[in-house]
Amino acid sequence: MKKIIPVLIAIVLIIVVAVAGFGAKLLNKYSYSKERADLTEYFGIMDSDDVAVILQDEQIEEYAKLWDGVCYFDLATVHKYFNDRFYEDKKEGLLLYTLPDAVVSTLIGSTSVSVGGDGSNRDYVIARYEGETLYIAADFVKEYTNFSYDLYTEPNRMQVYTQWNERQTATIAKDTQVRYQGGIKSDILTDVSKGDKVVVLEQMETWTKVKTQDAFIGYVENKRLDELTTETPVPVTDYAEPVYESNTRDYKINLAWHAVSGVAGNDTFDALMENTKSINVISPTWFALSDNQGNFTSFASQDYVDKAHNMGLEVWGLVDNFTHEDVNVYEVLAGTSTRTYLIDGLVNAALEYNLDGINIDFENIGLDAGEPFIQFIRELSIPCREHGIVLSVDNYVPMAHTDYYDREEQGVVADYVIIMGYDEHYKGSQEAGSVASIDFVEQGIANTVAQVPAHKVINAIPFYTRIWETKGTTVDSQAVGMEMAQQYIEEHGITTRWDETTCQNYGEYQSGDSYYQIWLEDADSIRVKLNIMEKYEIAGVAEWKLGFETASIWDVIAEYVNQ
């Protein structure tokens, strides 16, 4: 018996150890982890002044900054998520914001701000540089933007809302933890107490993805949630979107551009208008930027304006940036002083000559001048709005590489956005083709009305075509008016046929080593274009240029205008 007892004890001990080991494994398998996540790593915070940004229900890749207790966004973040109307004048160290009736201006690094000349102060630095990056105080952005935010620390993070859509919420039924992932072994992000409310983001079989009231996004067991309900958050009520009132007409616009290359060019007005019909706006090419200080040359004539007004025409003086080759648009528009000087000069000229409108025709501006150009249009719209001057802006047919012209913003602050619906193929093109095929024209209109209200869109049609010569690998062309194109067809005995692809009469012939082609702009092609314009219910038509047309074309245009 004495020999058996030690053996039994050993067996019992082995069993106890085995049971304990098995129990430990079970306990380890089914017990909740008490490990806590590194929250700095979780939010991706690299520097002590970084602030993670949770926009709606997701953390964005950009970070705010917390300096002296004030939260700041960099300008790119402001433009991307909040408001792209803030403008940085790097030349003069200013931050600007354009309202319908005034420009808001602050010197970067200061606490003072001017609104149309009236000054006030904030108890924080409004905008500041960190290296070459401009940061703007979130509270200042909020003065001109519809959003709300709450700032939390340890670690630094902020909850931002720009929309207040219906959402699902739940109440925590028992004290528990929000974990990094669904599973009891996942690290703990934060604790939540019974009665706390969370936003339900995604429900799964046993876990639910939630967002806490202090902006932690993680997972809670379904059994810990109660009172699932749908609610609509209370939106921001201390902000009103500014209204940029427009000076549009309640009838179709028919604008003809009159190319005036000198003071004597004004004298051609009577002859050019003799056979026209239905024109209600004449736009003489009177003004041209002449230097980088904001000066411009002028061929404006009071007699011309008076004569046009007596004929029932409005006069929208055109200003271009390409007549004088040495002008650098960026240099003119990027600095507030030169931009303001130009605006004052244009508005004063409009008032002096009693012009009804200003037509901006700035072409081939580079990407660097995109934002200054839009700021120029914003600021010019203020005195135009004040004095009842129609502001129209000429644009290329929308292409991806011209997005920086920001037609959407033009459509907000300007009265009319004019599509230059031609030059599909131009002098310098590598292949011969139509100046304005129907697909090119329609796509231009469709893309523009997707960004600009249709009642503000005018499509310009060409009164010219190109005679193309292809010789070997060399392609060249010359632009001619409608009458000269018809004469060319007759003189060379060219037989034309209707081309369904371009919706134009097309002709060709071979002479020696040269192959000639022409896609005609005539009554047939113009009628199809006008039908497309009627389809999209846009504001009207413009023509480049007066004097290139045949008299009969006005009957076709008049039919469209009077529909």
Protein backbone atom coordinates (compact mmCIF):
# COMPACT_ATOMS: atom_id res chain seq x y z
CA MET A 1 0.00 0.00 0.00
CA LYS A 2 2.86 2.32 0.89
CA LYS A 3 4.27 1.77 -2.56
CA ILE A 4 0.94 2.57 -4.27
CA ILE A 5 0.30 5.93 -2.52
CA PRO A 6 3.24 7.80 -4.13
CA VAL A 7 2.19 6.50 -7.50
CA LEU A 8 -1.37 7.71 -6.97
CA ILE A 9 -0.12 11.10 -5.82
CA ALA A 10 2.04 11.40 -8.91
CA ILE A 11 -0.88 10.46 -11.13
CA VAL A 12 -3.14 13.01 -9.41
CA LEU A 13 -0.47 15.70 -9.77
CA ILE A 14 -0.09 14.88 -13.43
CA ILE A 15 -3.85 15.13 -13.89
CA VAL A 16 -3.99 18.39 -11.95
CA VAL A 17 -1.17 19.84 -14.02
CA ALA A 18 -2.81 18.67 -17.23
CA VAL A 19 -6.19 20.06 -16.20
CA ALA A 20 -4.55 23.33 -15.15
CA GLY A 21 -2.71 23.55 -18.43
CA PHE A 22 -5.85 22.78 -20.38
CA GLY A 23 -7.77 25.29 -18.31
CA ALA A 24 -5.11 27.91 -18.90
CA LYS A 25 -5.37 27.30 -22.61
CA LEU A 26 -9.14 27.61 -22.45
CA LEU A 27 -8.83 30.74 -20.34
CA ASN A 28 -6.32 32.22 -22.74
CA LYS A 29 -8.50 31.33 -25.73
CA TYR A 30 -11.72 32.77 -24.40
CA SER A 31 -10.52 35.61 -22.18
CA TYR A 32 -10.52 39.25 -23.34
CA SER A 33 -7.19 40.86 -24.13
CA LYS A 34 -6.22 43.73 -21.88
CA GLU A 35 -3.52 45.00 -24.25
CA ARG A 36 -4.01 48.60 -25.29
CA ALA A 37 -3.17 49.94 -28.72
CA ASP A 38 -0.52 52.58 -29.22
CA LEU A 39 -2.90 55.45 -30.04
CA THR A 40 -0.18 57.64 -31.51
CA GLU A 41 0.58 54.85 -33.96
CA TYR A 42 -3.15 54.14 -34.47
CA PHE A 43 -3.81 57.74 -35.58
CA GLY A 44 -0.53 57.93 -37.51
CA ILE A 45 0.70 60.92 -35.51
CA MET A 46 4.34 61.70 -36.31
CA ASP A 47 4.88 65.07 -34.58
CA SER A 48 3.60 66.36 -31.28
CA ASP A 49 1.63 69.13 -33.02
CA ASP A 50 -0.06 66.80 -35.52
CA VAL A 51 -3.83 66.50 -35.31
CA ALA A 52 -5.55 63.51 -36.91
CA VAL A 53 -8.65 64.54 -38.85
CA ILE A 54 -11.76 62.37 -38.86
CA LEU A 55 -13.97 63.76 -41.60
CA GLN A 56 -17.50 62.42 -41.30
CA ASP A 57 -16.77 58.77 -40.40
CA GLU A 58 -13.28 58.25 -41.83
CA GLN A 59 -9.81 59.49 -41.01
CA ILE A 60 -8.36 61.37 -43.95
CA GLU A 61 -4.70 61.19 -44.94
CA GLU A 62 -4.05 64.86 -44.21
CA TYR A 63 -3.26 66.18 -40.72
CA ALA A 64 -4.08 69.45 -39.07
CA LYS A 65 -1.69 71.27 -36.71
CA LEU A 66 -2.20 72.44 -33.13
CA TRP A 67 -0.24 75.57 -32.27
CA ASP A 68 -0.84 77.72 -29.18
CA GLY A 69 -4.14 75.94 -28.62
CA VAL A 70 -5.38 76.83 -32.13
CA CYS A 71 -6.08 74.25 -34.80
CA TYR A 72 -4.81 74.94 -38.35
CA PHE A 73 -5.35 73.33 -41.76
CA ASP A 74 -2.86 73.70 -44.59
CA LEU A 75 -4.24 75.53 -47.63
CA ALA A 76 -4.32 72.40 -49.82
CA THR A 77 -6.50 70.63 -47.24
CA VAL A 78 -8.81 73.63 -47.03
CA HIS A 79 -9.18 73.64 -50.82
CA LYS A 80 -9.70 69.89 -51.05
CA TYR A 81 -12.25 69.36 -48.30
CA PHE A 82 -13.73 72.69 -47.25
CA ASN A 83 -13.52 75.75 -49.45
CA ASP A 84 -11.40 76.48 -52.54
CA ARG A 85 -12.19 80.21 -52.51
CA PHE A 86 -9.29 81.06 -50.18
CA TYR A 87 -6.45 82.59 -52.19
CA GLU A 88 -2.80 82.87 -51.20
CA ASP A 89 -0.99 85.89 -52.60
CA LYS A 90 2.60 84.71 -52.33
CA LYS A 91 3.94 87.95 -53.81
CA GLU A 92 2.48 90.23 -51.16
CA GLY A 93 2.05 87.80 -48.27
CA LEU A 94 -1.73 87.98 -48.15
CA LEU A 95 -4.57 85.54 -47.61
CA LEU A 96 -7.74 86.59 -49.46
CA TYR A 97 -11.32 85.44 -49.56
CA THR A 98 -13.83 86.87 -52.02
CA LEU A 99 -17.41 87.57 -50.98
CA PRO A 100 -20.11 88.75 -53.40
CA ASP A 101 -19.57 92.37 -52.39
CA ALA A 102 -16.12 92.57 -50.77
CA VAL A 103 -12.68 91.01 -50.50
CA VAL A 104 -11.59 89.66 -47.13
CA SER A 105 -7.87 90.25 -46.64
CA THR A 106 -5.37 89.40 -43.92
CA LEU A 107 -1.61 89.79 -43.80
CA ILE A 108 -0.16 86.33 -43.25
CA GLY A 109 1.20 86.10 -39.71
CA SER A 110 -1.16 88.73 -38.27
CA THR A 111 -4.34 88.68 -36.18
CA SER A 112 -6.10 91.46 -38.08
CA VAL A 113 -8.47 91.12 -41.02
CA SER A 114 -10.06 93.60 -43.41
CA VAL A 115 -13.43 93.10 -45.09
CA GLY A 116 -13.86 95.61 -47.86
CA GLY A 117 -11.63 98.02 -45.95
CA ASP A 118 -13.30 97.56 -42.54
CA GLY A 119 -10.83 96.11 -40.06
CA SER A 120 -11.21 93.79 -37.08
CA ASN A 121 -9.04 91.45 -35.01
CA ARG A 122 -9.06 87.83 -33.93
CA ASP A 123 -7.48 86.46 -30.75
CA TYR A 124 -5.29 84.13 -32.78
CA VAL A 125 -2.93 84.32 -35.75
CA ILE A 126 -5.24 83.86 -38.73
CA ALA A 127 -2.74 82.38 -41.19
CA ARG A 128 0.89 81.41 -40.82
CA TYR A 129 3.69 79.70 -42.67
CA GLU A 130 5.42 76.52 -41.63
CA GLY A 131 8.32 76.39 -44.04
CA GLU A 132 6.71 77.19 -47.39
CA THR A 133 3.33 75.72 -46.45
CA LEU A 134 0.50 78.10 -45.59
CA TYR A 135 -1.76 77.13 -42.71
CA ILE A 136 -5.11 78.75 -41.91
CA ALA A 137 -6.85 78.68 -38.54
CA ALA A 138 -9.80 76.31 -38.61
CA ASP A 139 -11.95 78.90 -36.84
CA PHE A 140 -11.24 81.42 -39.60
CA VAL A 141 -12.06 78.91 -42.32
CA LYS A 142 -15.27 78.21 -40.43
CA GLU A 143 -16.33 81.85 -40.71
CA TYR A 144 -16.73 81.35 -44.47
CA THR A 145 -17.50 77.63 -44.70
CA ASN A 146 -20.30 75.37 -43.56
CA PHE A 147 -18.66 72.82 -41.24
CA SER A 148 -18.28 71.97 -37.56
CA TYR A 149 -15.45 70.44 -35.59
CA ASP A 150 -14.55 69.19 -32.11
CA LEU A 151 -10.94 68.96 -30.96
CA TYR A 152 -9.67 66.23 -28.63
CA THR A 153 -6.23 65.65 -27.15
CA GLU A 154 -4.18 62.70 -25.87
CA PRO A 155 -3.75 62.00 -28.69
CA ASN A 156 -4.57 65.05 -30.82
CA ARG A 157 -7.54 64.40 -33.10
CA MET A 158 -10.53 66.29 -34.39
CA GLN A 159 -13.98 65.27 -35.54
CA VAL A 160 -15.12 67.29 -38.54
CA TYR A 161 -18.54 67.35 -40.17
CA THR A 162 -19.32 69.00 -43.50
CA GLN A 163 -22.55 67.02 -43.99
CA TRP A 164 -25.26 66.03 -41.59
CA ASN A 165 -26.89 63.03 -43.19
CA GLU A 166 -29.14 60.50 -41.53
CA ARG A 167 -27.15 57.90 -39.57
CA GLN A 168 -27.63 54.86 -37.35
CA THR A 169 -26.71 55.06 -33.68
CA ALA A 170 -26.73 52.71 -30.71
CA THR A 171 -26.40 52.91 -26.93
CA ILE A 172 -23.76 51.00 -24.98
CA ALA A 173 -25.65 48.47 -22.82
CA LYS A 174 -22.75 47.65 -20.48
CA ASP A 175 -19.29 49.01 -19.74
CA THR A 176 -16.97 47.64 -22.40
CA GLN A 177 -14.07 48.42 -24.71
CA VAL A 178 -13.79 49.56 -28.31
CA ARG A 179 -11.19 47.38 -30.01
CA TYR A 180 -8.96 47.94 -33.01
CA GLN A 181 -10.52 45.00 -34.84
CA GLY A 182 -13.43 42.64 -34.27
CA GLY A 183 -12.26 40.00 -31.79
CA ILE A 184 -11.61 39.70 -28.09
CA LYS A 185 -7.86 39.42 -28.68
CA SER A 186 -7.65 42.69 -30.56
CA ASP A 187 -6.01 45.64 -28.79
CA ILE A 188 -8.19 48.10 -26.90
CA LEU A 189 -8.57 51.60 -28.40
CA THR A 190 -10.74 53.16 -25.69
CA ASP A 191 -13.29 52.39 -22.98
CA VAL A 192 -16.99 53.16 -23.26
CA SER A 193 -19.51 53.23 -20.46
CA LYS A 194 -23.07 52.10 -20.14
CA GLY A 195 -25.34 54.73 -21.67
CA ASP A 196 -22.71 56.14 -24.07
CA LYS A 197 -23.95 56.67 -27.63
CA VAL A 198 -21.97 55.47 -30.64
CA VAL A 199 -22.43 55.81 -34.39
CA VAL A 200 -22.97 52.46 -36.09
CA LEU A 201 -20.80 52.18 -39.20
CA GLU A 202 -20.99 48.50 -40.13
CA GLN A 203 -22.77 45.51 -38.52
CA MET A 204 -21.33 41.99 -38.70
CA GLU A 205 -22.28 38.65 -37.17
CA THR A 206 -20.92 39.21 -33.67
CA TRP A 207 -19.12 42.57 -33.85
CA THR A 208 -20.10 46.03 -35.03
CA LYS A 209 -17.84 48.78 -36.32
CA VAL A 210 -18.64 51.98 -34.44
CA LYS A 211 -17.42 55.51 -33.90
CA THR A 212 -17.36 56.95 -30.39
CA GLN A 213 -18.41 60.45 -29.48
CA ASP A 214 -14.75 61.41 -29.14
CA ALA A 215 -13.79 60.11 -32.61
CA PHE A 216 -12.41 56.62 -32.04
CA ILE A 217 -13.35 54.18 -34.80
CA GLY A 218 -13.23 50.50 -33.80
CA TYR A 219 -15.29 47.45 -32.93
CA VAL A 220 -17.73 46.54 -30.16
CA GLU A 221 -19.47 43.22 -29.55
CA ASN A 222 -23.06 43.21 -30.74
CA LYS A 223 -24.26 42.02 -27.31
CA ARG A 224 -22.94 45.28 -25.81
CA LEU A 225 -25.16 47.43 -28.05
CA ASP A 226 -28.71 48.43 -27.38
CA GLU A 227 -31.35 50.82 -28.71
CA LEU A 228 -30.29 50.84 -32.36
CA THR A 229 -32.00 53.79 -33.98
CA THR A 230 -31.79 56.16 -36.95
CA GLU A 231 -31.26 59.86 -36.37
CA THR A 232 -30.48 63.03 -38.29
CA PRO A 233 -27.74 65.16 -36.66
CA VAL A 234 -28.32 68.85 -36.04
CA PRO A 235 -26.48 70.78 -38.79
CA VAL A 236 -24.53 73.99 -38.39
CA THR A 237 -26.94 76.87 -38.00
CA ASP A 238 -24.57 79.82 -37.61
CA TYR A 239 -23.54 79.95 -41.27
CA ALA A 240 -25.33 81.21 -44.37
CA GLU A 241 -23.99 80.48 -47.86
CA PRO A 242 -23.28 83.77 -49.69
CA VAL A 243 -25.40 84.53 -52.74
CA TYR A 244 -23.47 85.66 -55.82
CA GLU A 245 -26.26 87.39 -57.70
CA SER A 246 -25.99 87.34 -61.49
CA ASN A 247 -26.81 89.96 -64.09
CA THR A 248 -28.18 87.62 -66.75
CA ARG A 249 -30.82 88.39 -69.37
CA ASP A 250 -34.24 86.79 -69.71
CA TYR A 251 -33.80 86.33 -73.47
CA LYS A 252 -31.34 84.51 -75.68
CA ILE A 253 -28.03 86.23 -76.18
CA ASN A 254 -26.75 86.66 -79.72
CA LEU A 255 -23.27 88.12 -79.42
CA ALA A 256 -21.10 89.01 -82.39
CA TRP A 257 -17.43 89.73 -81.89
CA HIS A 258 -16.17 92.72 -83.87
CA ALA A 259 -12.42 92.51 -84.45
CA VAL A 260 -11.07 96.05 -84.01
CA SER A 261 -7.32 96.26 -84.51
CA GLY A 262 -7.02 100.02 -84.24
CA VAL A 263 -9.08 103.15 -83.67
CA ALA A 264 -9.96 103.24 -87.38
CA GLY A 265 -11.44 99.77 -87.05
CA ASN A 266 -14.43 101.27 -85.29
CA ASP A 267 -15.45 102.83 -88.59
CA THR A 268 -16.22 99.39 -90.05
CA PHE A 269 -19.15 98.97 -87.66
CA ASP A 270 -21.86 100.29 -90.02
CA ALA A 271 -20.82 98.16 -92.98
CA LEU A 272 -20.45 95.00 -90.92
CA MET A 273 -23.86 95.44 -89.28
CA GLU A 274 -25.71 96.17 -92.51
CA ASN A 275 -26.91 92.65 -93.30
CA THR A 276 -27.06 91.21 -89.79
CA LYS A 277 -30.21 90.03 -88.02
CA SER A 278 -31.11 89.25 -84.41
CA ILE A 279 -27.82 90.47 -82.87
CA ASN A 280 -28.39 91.95 -79.42
CA VAL A 281 -24.80 92.18 -78.16
CA ILE A 282 -21.75 93.54 -79.96
CA SER A 283 -18.33 92.82 -78.45
CA PRO A 284 -15.55 94.95 -79.95
CA THR A 285 -12.00 93.79 -79.28
CA TRP A 286 -11.00 97.10 -77.75
CA PHE A 287 -8.77 96.34 -74.79
CA ALA A 288 -5.50 94.41 -74.54
CA LEU A 289 -3.10 93.91 -71.64
CA SER A 290 0.02 95.87 -72.52
CA ASP A 291 2.46 95.21 -69.65
CA ASN A 292 2.90 93.29 -66.41
CA GLN A 293 1.72 96.18 -64.24
CA GLY A 294 -1.94 95.87 -65.22
CA ASN A 295 -2.07 98.53 -67.94
CA PHE A 296 -3.96 97.97 -71.17
CA THR A 297 -4.36 99.63 -74.54
CA SER A 298 -7.77 100.86 -75.63
CA PHE A 299 -9.55 101.59 -78.91
CA ALA A 300 -12.83 102.42 -77.16
CA SER A 301 -15.10 104.96 -78.83
CA GLN A 302 -18.06 106.78 -77.31
CA ASP A 303 -19.57 107.33 -80.77
CA TYR A 304 -19.44 103.57 -81.36
CA VAL A 305 -21.22 102.86 -78.06
CA ASP A 306 -23.87 105.50 -78.71
CA LYS A 307 -24.49 104.17 -82.20
CA ALA A 308 -24.81 100.59 -80.93
CA HIS A 309 -27.17 101.63 -78.15
CA ASN A 310 -29.35 103.49 -80.65
CA MET A 311 -29.61 100.23 -82.60
CA GLY A 312 -30.77 98.38 -79.47
CA LEU A 313 -27.43 96.63 -78.98
CA GLU A 314 -25.54 96.09 -75.76
CA VAL A 315 -21.76 96.64 -75.90
CA TRP A 316 -19.52 94.20 -74.07
CA GLY A 317 -15.94 95.43 -74.46
CA LEU A 318 -13.43 92.60 -74.89
CA VAL A 319 -10.05 92.52 -73.17
CA ASP A 320 -7.37 90.04 -74.27
CA ASN A 321 -3.99 88.92 -73.02
CA PHE A 322 -2.34 88.02 -76.34
CA THR A 323 -2.20 91.16 -78.51
CA HIS A 324 0.99 92.30 -76.79
CA GLU A 325 3.40 89.37 -76.73
CA ASP A 326 5.53 90.46 -73.78
CA VAL A 327 2.66 90.25 -71.27
CA ASN A 328 2.99 87.56 -68.60
CA VAL A 329 -0.48 86.79 -67.26
CA TYR A 330 0.87 85.28 -64.05
CA GLU A 331 2.84 88.44 -63.28
CA VAL A 332 -0.24 90.60 -63.86
CA LEU A 333 -2.74 88.52 -61.92
CA ALA A 334 -0.78 86.81 -59.12
CA GLY A 335 -0.13 90.00 -57.15
CA THR A 336 -3.04 91.77 -55.47
CA SER A 337 -1.75 95.26 -56.31
CA THR A 338 -1.45 94.69 -60.07
CA ARG A 339 -4.64 92.64 -60.19
CA THR A 340 -6.57 95.39 -58.41
CA TYR A 341 -5.04 98.04 -60.67
CA LEU A 342 -6.21 96.15 -63.76
CA ILE A 343 -9.70 95.65 -62.35
CA ASP A 344 -10.03 99.33 -61.46
CA GLY A 345 -8.89 100.30 -64.96
CA LEU A 346 -11.37 98.00 -66.71
CA VAL A 347 -14.31 99.03 -64.57
CA ASN A 348 -13.46 102.73 -64.95
CA ALA A 349 -13.32 102.29 -68.74
CA ALA A 350 -16.67 100.50 -68.70
CA LEU A 351 -18.22 103.33 -66.70
CA GLU A 352 -16.56 106.04 -68.78
CA TYR A 353 -17.88 104.67 -72.07
CA ASN A 354 -21.18 103.42 -70.65
CA LEU A 355 -20.43 99.83 -71.58
CA ASP A 356 -23.01 97.19 -70.75
CA GLY A 357 -20.48 94.45 -70.18
CA ILE A 358 -16.87 93.29 -70.06
CA ASN A 359 -15.78 90.20 -71.97
CA ILE A 360 -12.62 88.51 -70.67
CA ASP A 361 -10.68 86.68 -73.39
CA PHE A 362 -7.53 85.40 -71.69
CA GLU A 363 -6.09 82.49 -73.67
CA ASN A 364 -3.17 80.10 -73.26
CA ILE A 365 -2.70 80.93 -69.62
CA GLY A 366 -0.39 78.47 -67.90
CA LEU A 367 -1.20 76.18 -65.01
CA ASP A 368 0.64 78.52 -62.62
CA ALA A 369 -1.75 81.34 -63.55
CA GLY A 370 -4.89 79.25 -63.06
CA GLU A 371 -5.64 80.28 -59.48
CA PRO A 372 -4.68 83.95 -60.04
CA PHE A 373 -6.97 84.00 -63.09
CA ILE A 374 -9.94 82.70 -61.10
CA GLN A 375 -9.20 85.16 -58.30
CA PHE A 376 -9.18 87.93 -60.90
CA ILE A 377 -12.63 86.86 -62.14
CA ARG A 378 -13.93 86.69 -58.56
CA GLU A 379 -12.67 90.17 -57.70
CA LEU A 380 -13.75 91.71 -61.01
CA SER A 381 -17.25 90.36 -60.42
CA ILE A 382 -17.64 92.57 -57.33
CA PRO A 383 -17.64 96.02 -59.05
CA CYS A 384 -19.41 94.51 -62.08
CA ARG A 385 -22.17 93.30 -59.78
CA GLU A 386 -22.27 96.68 -58.04
CA HIS A 387 -22.55 98.70 -61.27
CA GLY A 388 -24.72 96.31 -63.28
CA ILE A 389 -21.93 95.48 -65.74
CA VAL A 390 -22.31 92.07 -67.37
CA LEU A 391 -19.20 89.93 -66.84
CA SER A 392 -18.59 87.20 -69.41
CA VAL A 393 -15.58 84.90 -69.70
CA ASP A 394 -14.37 83.12 -72.82
CA ASN A 395 -13.26 79.50 -72.44
CA TYR A 396 -11.86 76.75 -74.57
CA VAL A 397 -14.00 73.67 -75.13
CA PRO A 398 -13.52 71.80 -71.82
CA MET A 399 -10.62 69.38 -71.85
CA ALA A 400 -8.91 67.72 -68.88
CA HIS A 401 -5.78 69.82 -69.35
CA THR A 402 -7.79 73.06 -68.92
CA ASP A 403 -9.55 72.13 -65.66
CA TYR A 404 -7.60 74.85 -63.87
CA TYR A 405 -9.76 77.44 -65.67
CA ASP A 406 -12.32 76.32 -63.05
CA ARG A 407 -15.49 76.77 -65.08
CA GLU A 408 -17.59 75.78 -62.10
CA GLU A 409 -16.37 78.78 -60.11
CA GLN A 410 -16.74 81.00 -63.16
CA GLY A 411 -20.34 79.86 -63.31
CA VAL A 412 -20.86 81.05 -59.73
CA VAL A 413 -19.27 84.50 -59.86
CA ALA A 414 -19.54 85.53 -63.54
CA ASP A 415 -22.71 86.23 -65.49
CA TYR A 416 -21.92 84.24 -68.61
CA VAL A 417 -19.43 81.50 -69.48
CA ILE A 418 -18.75 81.49 -73.21
CA ILE A 419 -17.48 78.33 -74.92
CA MET A 420 -15.21 79.02 -77.87
CA GLY A 421 -16.68 76.07 -79.73
CA TYR A 422 -14.09 75.90 -82.48
CA ASP A 423 -10.40 75.26 -83.23
CA GLU A 424 -10.89 71.52 -82.89
CA HIS A 425 -8.25 71.48 -85.61
CA TYR A 426 -6.13 74.62 -85.89
CA LYS A 427 -3.07 75.94 -87.62
CA GLY A 428 -0.34 73.78 -86.21
CA SER A 429 -2.48 70.64 -85.92
CA GLN A 430 -0.65 67.52 -87.00
CA GLU A 431 -3.57 66.36 -89.12
CA ALA A 432 -6.26 67.98 -91.23
CA GLY A 433 -9.75 68.12 -89.82
CA SER A 434 -12.86 70.09 -88.99
CA VAL A 435 -12.73 73.38 -87.14
CA ALA A 436 -15.87 72.40 -85.25
CA SER A 437 -17.37 68.95 -85.82
CA ILE A 438 -20.74 68.32 -84.23
CA ASP A 439 -19.42 65.82 -81.66
CA PHE A 440 -16.74 68.30 -80.61
CA VAL A 441 -19.33 71.05 -80.21
CA GLU A 442 -21.84 68.91 -78.33
CA GLN A 443 -19.25 67.47 -76.00
CA GLY A 444 -18.08 70.99 -75.20
CA ILE A 445 -21.59 72.10 -74.34
CA ALA A 446 -22.39 68.94 -72.36
CA ASN A 447 -19.19 69.20 -70.32
CA THR A 448 -19.79 72.87 -69.61
CA VAL A 449 -23.43 72.59 -68.51
CA ALA A 450 -22.30 69.80 -66.17
CA GLN A 451 -20.38 72.51 -64.28
CA VAL A 452 -22.17 75.76 -65.13
CA PRO A 453 -25.93 76.49 -65.04
CA ALA A 454 -27.25 76.24 -68.60
CA HIS A 455 -28.82 79.71 -68.42
CA LYS A 456 -25.28 81.12 -68.04
CA VAL A 457 -23.69 79.21 -70.93
CA ILE A 458 -23.18 80.72 -74.39
CA ASN A 459 -21.70 78.66 -77.22
CA ALA A 460 -19.62 80.47 -79.84
CA ILE A 461 -19.69 79.25 -83.42
CA PRO A 462 -17.10 79.87 -86.18
CA PHE A 463 -17.80 81.98 -89.23
CA TYR A 464 -14.61 80.56 -90.73
CA THR A 465 -13.22 77.29 -91.97
CA ARG A 466 -9.77 76.03 -92.88
CA ILE A 467 -8.43 75.01 -96.25
CA TRP A 468 -5.98 72.18 -95.56
CA GLU A 469 -3.00 71.17 -97.67
CA THR A 470 -1.17 67.94 -97.00
CA LYS A 471 2.09 67.46 -98.86
CA GLY A 472 4.02 64.39 -97.84
CA THR A 473 4.28 64.61 -94.07
CA THR A 474 3.70 68.36 -93.98
CA VAL A 475 0.26 69.63 -92.98
CA ASP A 476 -0.66 73.30 -93.29
CA SER A 477 -3.85 75.35 -93.41
CA GLN A 478 -5.28 78.81 -93.83
CA ALA A 479 -8.41 80.19 -92.19
CA VAL A 480 -10.98 81.81 -94.50
CA GLY A 481 -14.44 83.25 -94.08
CA MET A 482 -17.61 81.62 -95.40
CA GLU A 483 -17.77 83.57 -98.65
CA MET A 484 -14.11 83.00 -99.50
CA ALA A 485 -14.47 79.28 -98.74
CA GLN A 486 -17.37 79.07 -101.16
CA GLN A 487 -15.38 80.89 -103.82
CA TYR A 488 -12.51 78.45 -103.30
CA ILE A 489 -14.87 75.51 -103.81
CA GLU A 490 -16.19 76.97 -107.05
CA GLU A 491 -12.82 78.06 -108.44
CA HIS A 492 -11.33 74.59 -107.96
CA GLY A 493 -14.39 72.69 -109.13
CA ILE A 494 -14.66 70.78 -105.86
CA THR A 495 -17.71 68.57 -105.41
CA THR A 496 -18.83 68.54 -101.79
CA ARG A 497 -20.81 65.90 -99.94
CA TRP A 498 -22.53 65.88 -96.57
CA ASP A 499 -20.39 64.21 -93.93
CA GLU A 500 -22.58 62.65 -91.22
CA THR A 501 -19.67 62.31 -88.81
CA THR A 502 -18.88 66.03 -88.65
CA CYS A 503 -22.29 67.28 -89.87
CA GLN A 504 -20.54 69.47 -92.43
CA ASN A 505 -20.23 69.65 -96.19
CA TYR A 506 -16.85 68.18 -97.05
CA GLY A 507 -14.71 68.53 -100.18
CA GLU A 508 -11.29 67.42 -101.36
CA TYR A 509 -9.04 67.39 -104.41
CA GLN A 510 -5.53 66.49 -105.46
CA SER A 511 -3.18 68.88 -107.24
CA GLY A 512 0.30 67.60 -107.97
CA ASP A 513 1.87 66.46 -104.71
CA SER A 514 -0.64 68.36 -102.61
CA TYR A 515 -3.88 66.97 -101.19
CA TYR A 516 -6.47 69.62 -100.27
CA GLN A 517 -9.40 69.19 -97.87
CA ILE A 518 -12.11 71.47 -96.54
CA TRP A 519 -14.86 71.01 -93.99
CA LEU A 520 -17.28 73.86 -94.64
CA GLU A 521 -18.99 76.08 -92.11
CA ASP A 522 -22.20 77.12 -93.82
CA ALA A 523 -25.93 77.34 -93.22
CA ASP A 524 -26.22 73.54 -93.02
CA SER A 525 -23.49 73.03 -90.43
CA ILE A 526 -24.49 76.06 -88.38
CA ARG A 527 -28.12 74.90 -88.24
CA VAL A 528 -27.09 71.54 -86.75
CA LYS A 529 -24.96 73.29 -84.12
CA LEU A 530 -27.83 75.59 -83.19
CA ASN A 531 -30.15 72.61 -82.84
CA ILE A 532 -27.73 71.09 -80.33
CA MET A 533 -27.63 74.38 -78.44
CA GLU A 534 -31.42 74.43 -78.30
CA LYS A 535 -31.37 70.86 -77.00
CA TYR A 536 -29.26 71.88 -74.01
CA GLU A 537 -31.33 75.06 -73.43
CA ILE A 538 -28.27 77.27 -73.03
CA ALA A 539 -28.28 81.05 -72.85
CA GLY A 540 -27.44 81.80 -76.45
CA VAL A 541 -24.92 82.00 -79.24
CA ALA A 542 -21.80 84.00 -80.09
CA GLU A 543 -20.01 84.30 -83.42
CA TRP A 544 -16.36 84.73 -84.37
CA LYS A 545 -16.17 86.93 -86.19
CA LEU A 546 -18.32 89.66 -87.73
CA GLY A 547 -17.49 90.05 -91.42
CA PHE A 548 -16.56 86.41 -92.04
CA GLU A 549 -20.18 85.34 -92.59
CA THR A 550 -22.49 85.24 -95.55
CA ALA A 551 -25.63 87.35 -95.25
CA SER A 552 -27.91 84.32 -95.44
CA ILE A 553 -26.47 82.82 -92.27
CA TRP A 554 -28.31 85.40 -90.19
CA ASP A 555 -31.67 83.91 -91.14
CA VAL A 556 -30.57 80.59 -89.67
CA ILE A 557 -29.31 82.25 -86.48
CA ALA A 558 -32.40 84.47 -86.17
CA GLU A 559 -34.60 81.38 -86.29
CA TYR A 560 -32.70 79.94 -83.32
CA VAL A 561 -32.65 83.20 -81.35
CA ASN A 562 -36.39 83.73 -81.78
CA GLN A 563 -37.42 80.21 -80.78
